[in-house]
């Protein structure tokens, strides 16, 4: 892991994070002063469940998988985060240890902000606190929607919904995670995911292009599947 401690470098990281978007350049500089940067290689653990909290991790470049391991050793992928997103935010409001695992899916640079000093700035600039609470509310809504989807929707409906969401209105999905991680996030096995993707291709809904790329051929067909 490499460390870089120049405020100018951290300013670039802070500028791209929505929770700091309403701050002035001077206020952002205050954040930069309590920030350090570290680079993690692919497969390296950024933190593990049980580690002490106390930091807000802001993703500058790369992608990170957030997951939990149940008592039986099975991994549940919570989300995959990209540049501008942040992790470890719950430790800002609680002294409890971290409950998730964070793994770099590729070479990743993080800006790590000291939690105690950030809380002081949150009291000084309430817009930061409101932005963090806003993001936490969105994540809670996504978690509730995922629970509802797994409970009420079929495997086909969950997969169709995920493909449309990942395509972001376009005609192509480029997976930022392994198919096993996507399957875990959708509450199914990797074998089931592979089988259903093959079925969707046979039905003309999608075309599989290697291991990471999926072309959506019939968006309306996927939408009808969700509505059934």
Protein backbone atom coordinates (compact mmCIF):
# COMPACT_ATOMS: atom_id res chain seq x y z
CA UNK A 1 0.00 0.00 0.00
CA UNK A 2 1.23 3.44 -0.86
CA UNK A 3 0.48 6.61 1.05
CA UNK A 4 0.33 10.12 -0.32
CA UNK A 5 -0.23 13.01 2.06
CA UNK A 6 -0.35 16.13 -0.10
CA UNK A 7 -3.43 18.30 0.43
CA UNK A 8 -3.67 19.19 -3.26
CA UNK A 9 -4.03 15.51 -4.13
CA UNK A 10 -6.79 15.07 -1.55
CA UNK A 11 -8.60 18.16 -2.85
CA UNK A 12 -9.20 16.33 -6.14
CA UNK A 13 -10.67 13.40 -4.20
CA UNK A 14 -12.91 15.64 -2.11
CA UNK A 15 -14.12 17.64 -5.11
CA UNK A 16 -15.73 14.57 -6.67
CA UNK A 17 -17.68 13.50 -3.56
CA UNK A 18 -21.34 14.66 -3.54
CA UNK A 19 -21.49 15.04 0.26
CA UNK A 20 -18.91 17.84 0.03
CA UNK A 21 -20.33 19.52 -3.08
CA UNK A 22 -21.93 22.44 -1.23
CA UNK A 23 -18.73 23.45 0.59
CA UNK A 24 -16.59 26.42 -0.41
CA UNK A 25 -12.98 25.88 -1.57
CA UNK A 26 -11.77 26.97 1.85
CA UNK A 27 -14.06 24.54 3.63
CA UNK A 28 -12.95 21.72 1.34
CA UNK A 29 -9.37 22.56 2.22
CA UNK A 30 -10.27 21.96 5.88
CA UNK A 31 -11.42 18.47 4.91
CA UNK A 32 -8.22 17.90 2.94
CA UNK A 33 -6.14 18.69 6.02
CA UNK A 34 -7.64 15.72 7.91
CA UNK A 35 -7.37 13.35 4.95
CA UNK A 36 -4.75 10.77 3.99
CA UNK A 37 -4.60 8.67 0.80
CA UNK A 38 -3.78 4.99 0.36
CA UNK A 39 -3.66 2.68 -2.62
CA UNK A 40 -4.83 -0.94 -2.41
CA UNK A 41 -4.11 -3.66 -4.95
CA UNK A 42 -6.71 -5.96 -6.49
CA UNK A 43 -7.92 -8.50 -3.93
CA UNK A 44 -6.52 -6.59 -0.96
CA UNK A 45 -8.77 -6.08 2.06
CA UNK A 46 -9.33 -2.44 2.95
CA UNK A 47 -11.00 -3.40 6.22
CA UNK A 48 -12.74 -6.44 7.71
CA UNK A 49 -15.73 -6.94 10.00
CA UNK A 50 -14.62 -6.42 13.58
CA UNK A 51 -11.97 -3.83 12.75
CA UNK A 52 -12.23 -0.57 14.68
CA UNK A 53 -14.04 2.22 12.85
CA UNK A 54 -13.30 5.89 13.12
CA UNK A 55 -12.65 6.73 9.46
CA UNK A 56 -14.71 7.73 6.47
CA UNK A 57 -13.34 6.03 3.35
CA UNK A 58 -13.86 7.99 0.12
CA UNK A 59 -13.22 6.14 -3.12
CA UNK A 60 -11.06 8.16 -5.51
CA UNK A 61 -10.31 5.57 -8.22
CA UNK A 62 -11.16 1.88 -8.65
CA UNK A 63 -14.02 -0.27 -7.33
CA UNK A 64 -14.63 -1.87 -3.93
CA UNK A 65 -16.89 -4.74 -2.90
CA UNK A 66 -18.76 -4.39 0.41
CA UNK A 67 -19.90 -7.73 1.84
CA UNK A 68 -20.77 -9.68 4.97
CA UNK A 69 -20.08 -13.30 5.90
CA UNK A 70 -22.78 -15.28 7.71
CA UNK A 71 -22.25 -17.87 10.43
CA UNK A 72 -22.04 -20.61 7.80
CA UNK A 73 -19.25 -18.84 5.94
CA UNK A 74 -21.40 -17.74 2.99
CA UNK A 75 -20.69 -14.31 1.56
CA UNK A 76 -23.48 -11.80 0.94
CA UNK A 77 -22.50 -8.92 -1.32
CA UNK A 78 -24.07 -5.71 -0.05
CA UNK A 79 -22.97 -3.35 -2.81
CA UNK A 80 -20.11 -2.47 -5.13
CA UNK A 81 -18.94 1.13 -4.90
CA UNK A 82 -17.12 3.30 -7.40
CA UNK A 83 -15.33 6.67 -7.54
CA UNK A 84 -17.01 9.41 -5.50
CA UNK A 85 -18.77 6.96 -3.19
CA UNK A 86 -17.86 6.45 0.46
CA UNK A 87 -17.75 3.67 3.07
CA UNK A 88 -17.46 3.29 6.83
CA UNK A 89 -19.96 6.06 7.46
CA UNK A 90 -21.77 4.21 10.27
CA UNK A 91 -18.65 4.47 12.42
CA UNK A 92 -19.15 8.23 12.41
CA UNK A 93 -22.28 7.75 14.52
CA UNK A 94 -21.31 4.72 16.60
CA UNK A 95 -18.28 3.42 18.46
CA UNK A 96 -19.12 -0.16 17.42
CA UNK A 97 -16.58 -2.06 15.25
CA UNK A 98 -17.08 -2.23 11.49
CA UNK A 99 -19.65 -4.84 10.47
CA UNK A 100 -18.76 -5.19 6.76
CA UNK A 101 -15.80 -6.35 4.71
CA UNK A 102 -14.35 -4.07 2.02
CA UNK A 103 -12.24 -5.64 -0.74
CA UNK A 104 -10.57 -3.86 -3.67
CA UNK A 105 -11.78 -5.36 -6.96
CA UNK A 106 -8.98 -3.60 -8.86
CA UNK A 107 -6.15 -1.20 -8.05
CA UNK A 108 -7.97 1.33 -5.89
CA UNK A 109 -7.07 4.66 -4.27
CA UNK A 110 -8.98 5.80 -1.20
CA UNK A 111 -8.99 9.08 0.68
CA UNK A 112 -9.39 8.30 4.38
CA UNK A 113 -10.83 11.03 6.56
CA UNK A 114 -10.32 11.06 10.33
CA UNK A 115 -13.77 10.44 11.84
CA UNK A 116 -13.40 12.38 15.10
CA UNK A 117 -12.21 15.51 13.33
CA UNK A 118 -14.84 15.08 10.60
CA UNK A 119 -17.57 15.04 13.25
CA UNK A 120 -16.26 18.40 14.45
CA UNK A 121 -16.56 19.76 10.91
CA UNK A 122 -20.05 18.22 10.57
CA UNK A 123 -21.10 20.30 13.58
CA UNK A 124 -19.51 23.36 12.00
CA UNK A 125 -20.90 22.77 8.50
CA UNK A 126 -24.29 21.09 8.92
CA UNK A 127 -24.60 20.62 5.16
CA UNK A 128 -22.08 17.74 5.42
CA UNK A 129 -24.17 15.99 8.08
CA UNK A 130 -27.35 16.41 6.02
CA UNK A 131 -25.65 15.08 2.88
CA UNK A 132 -24.40 12.00 4.75
CA UNK A 133 -27.88 11.38 6.21
CA UNK A 134 -29.37 11.82 2.74
CA UNK A 135 -27.02 9.17 1.33
CA UNK A 136 -27.74 6.83 4.24
CA UNK A 137 -31.47 7.22 3.56
CA UNK A 138 -30.92 6.27 -0.09
CA UNK A 139 -28.91 3.21 0.91
CA UNK A 140 -31.60 2.16 3.39
CA UNK A 141 -34.23 2.48 0.65
CA UNK A 142 -32.09 0.38 -1.72
CA UNK A 143 -31.61 -2.27 0.98
CA UNK A 144 -35.34 -2.40 1.65
CA UNK A 145 -36.08 -2.65 -2.08
CA UNK A 146 -33.57 -5.50 -2.41
CA UNK A 147 -35.15 -7.37 0.52
CA UNK A 148 -38.57 -6.89 -1.06
CA UNK A 149 -37.31 -8.04 -4.46
CA UNK A 150 -35.70 -11.20 -3.06
CA UNK A 151 -38.82 -11.99 -1.03
CA UNK A 152 -41.48 -11.31 -3.66
CA UNK A 153 -39.90 -11.54 -7.12
CA UNK A 154 -38.84 -14.58 -9.09
CA UNK A 155 -35.22 -15.21 -10.05
CA UNK A 156 -36.01 -14.09 -13.61
CA UNK A 157 -37.60 -10.86 -12.43
CA UNK A 158 -34.67 -10.05 -10.13
CA UNK A 159 -32.17 -10.65 -12.93
CA UNK A 160 -34.16 -8.60 -15.46
CA UNK A 161 -34.45 -5.75 -12.97
CA UNK A 162 -30.71 -5.86 -12.25
CA UNK A 163 -29.78 -5.82 -15.95
CA UNK A 164 -31.96 -2.80 -16.63
CA UNK A 165 -30.60 -0.99 -13.59
CA UNK A 166 -26.96 -1.74 -14.45
CA UNK A 167 -27.47 -0.60 -18.06
CA UNK A 168 -28.42 2.88 -16.77
CA UNK A 169 -30.80 3.44 -19.67
CA UNK A 170 -28.35 2.21 -22.30
CA UNK A 171 -28.02 -1.04 -24.21
CA UNK A 172 -24.97 -2.52 -22.56
CA UNK A 173 -23.92 -3.78 -19.15
CA UNK A 174 -20.23 -4.02 -18.25
CA UNK A 175 -19.95 -5.88 -14.97
CA UNK A 176 -17.62 -4.31 -12.41
CA UNK A 177 -17.77 -7.47 -10.29
CA UNK A 178 -17.50 -11.22 -10.71
CA UNK A 179 -20.69 -13.02 -11.69
CA UNK A 180 -20.55 -14.84 -8.36
CA UNK A 181 -20.67 -11.49 -6.55
CA UNK A 182 -23.61 -10.33 -8.69
CA UNK A 183 -25.41 -13.59 -7.94
CA UNK A 184 -24.83 -13.11 -4.22
CA UNK A 185 -26.18 -9.57 -4.39
CA UNK A 186 -29.34 -10.85 -6.13
CA UNK A 187 -29.87 -13.70 -3.67
CA UNK A 188 -29.14 -16.61 -6.02
CA UNK A 189 -26.31 -19.05 -6.73
CA UNK A 190 -23.75 -18.43 -9.48
CA UNK A 191 -24.99 -21.55 -11.27
CA UNK A 192 -28.55 -20.18 -11.30
CA UNK A 193 -27.34 -16.81 -12.59
CA UNK A 194 -25.36 -18.42 -15.43
CA UNK A 195 -28.31 -20.62 -16.36
CA UNK A 196 -30.79 -17.72 -16.41
CA UNK A 197 -28.42 -15.52 -18.44
CA UNK A 198 -28.15 -18.33 -21.00
CA UNK A 199 -31.95 -18.59 -21.07
CA UNK A 200 -32.32 -14.84 -21.59
CA UNK A 201 -29.89 -15.10 -24.51
CA UNK A 202 -31.87 -17.96 -26.06
CA UNK A 203 -35.02 -15.84 -25.74
CA UNK A 204 -33.35 -12.96 -27.59
CA UNK A 205 -33.44 -10.63 -24.61
CA UNK A 206 -29.67 -10.25 -24.29
CA UNK A 207 -26.38 -11.25 -25.91
CA UNK A 208 -23.49 -12.39 -23.73
CA UNK A 209 -20.14 -10.95 -24.83
CA UNK A 210 -17.40 -12.66 -22.83
CA UNK A 211 -17.42 -12.73 -19.04
CA UNK A 212 -18.10 -9.06 -18.31
CA UNK A 213 -20.17 -7.58 -21.16
CA UNK A 214 -23.89 -8.07 -21.69
CA UNK A 215 -25.75 -6.41 -24.57
CA UNK A 216 -29.47 -5.78 -24.04
CA UNK A 217 -31.37 -6.71 -27.21
CA UNK A 218 -34.97 -6.45 -26.01
CA UNK A 219 -35.43 -3.87 -23.27
CA UNK A 220 -39.21 -3.99 -23.56
CA UNK A 221 -39.10 -7.77 -23.13
CA UNK A 222 -37.16 -7.43 -19.88
CA UNK A 223 -39.62 -4.80 -18.67
CA UNK A 224 -42.56 -7.11 -19.45
CA UNK A 225 -40.86 -9.89 -17.51
CA UNK A 226 -40.60 -7.66 -14.44
CA UNK A 227 -44.28 -6.69 -14.70
CA UNK A 228 -45.57 -10.27 -14.85
